[in-house]
Amino acid sequence: MKGKEKPLLDRFKPFWETGKNISEDAKKIAFCLKTYAVNQIFTVYKKNNSSLQESEKKEFEGWIRELASEKKVLGSDANCTAEEYSQFLQSSFDNVDDEDRNGEVTVTTSYNFKLLGDLIDVLSQWGPIQDEWQKKSKNFNKLKIY
């Protein structure tokens, strides 16, 4: 392994932050994205016998409390299906692609490409992703505009 490994919370924080920033009309997708981040932390924790750094524990506990609160609001409708994710992904891609083709390259456009990359990664939890989306994911996660 090269260099020092990132702290456990930092590895999945981008998914959490992306989930927090998804618009109100996609609360269910946002909830699922944040749940994915928390589940991945637990998975890595158990598999590698890793632990959170002391400074990360309070933040992670806050994530869990926030998810519990959101779960109460969403109720039984909190779980996402692969189809719902795919539809949200395609819709999001269409919007960002239009912005990009129209020359509207802004920080928001860049953020939206990053969001798409994260969503594609999460979609993989339901099984293999189409090759086209896998290639796009690699590009989206590299794209940054400052």
Foldseek 3Di string as FASTA:
>chain_A
DPDDDDFLLVVLVVQLVLLVPDDPVPVLLSLLSLVVSLVVSVVCCVVVVHDGDPVCVVVSVVSVVVSVVSCVVCPPVNDDDLVNLVVVLVVLCVVLVVCVVVVVDDQVSLSSLCSSLSSLVSSCVNPDDPPVSVVSSVVSNVRGDD
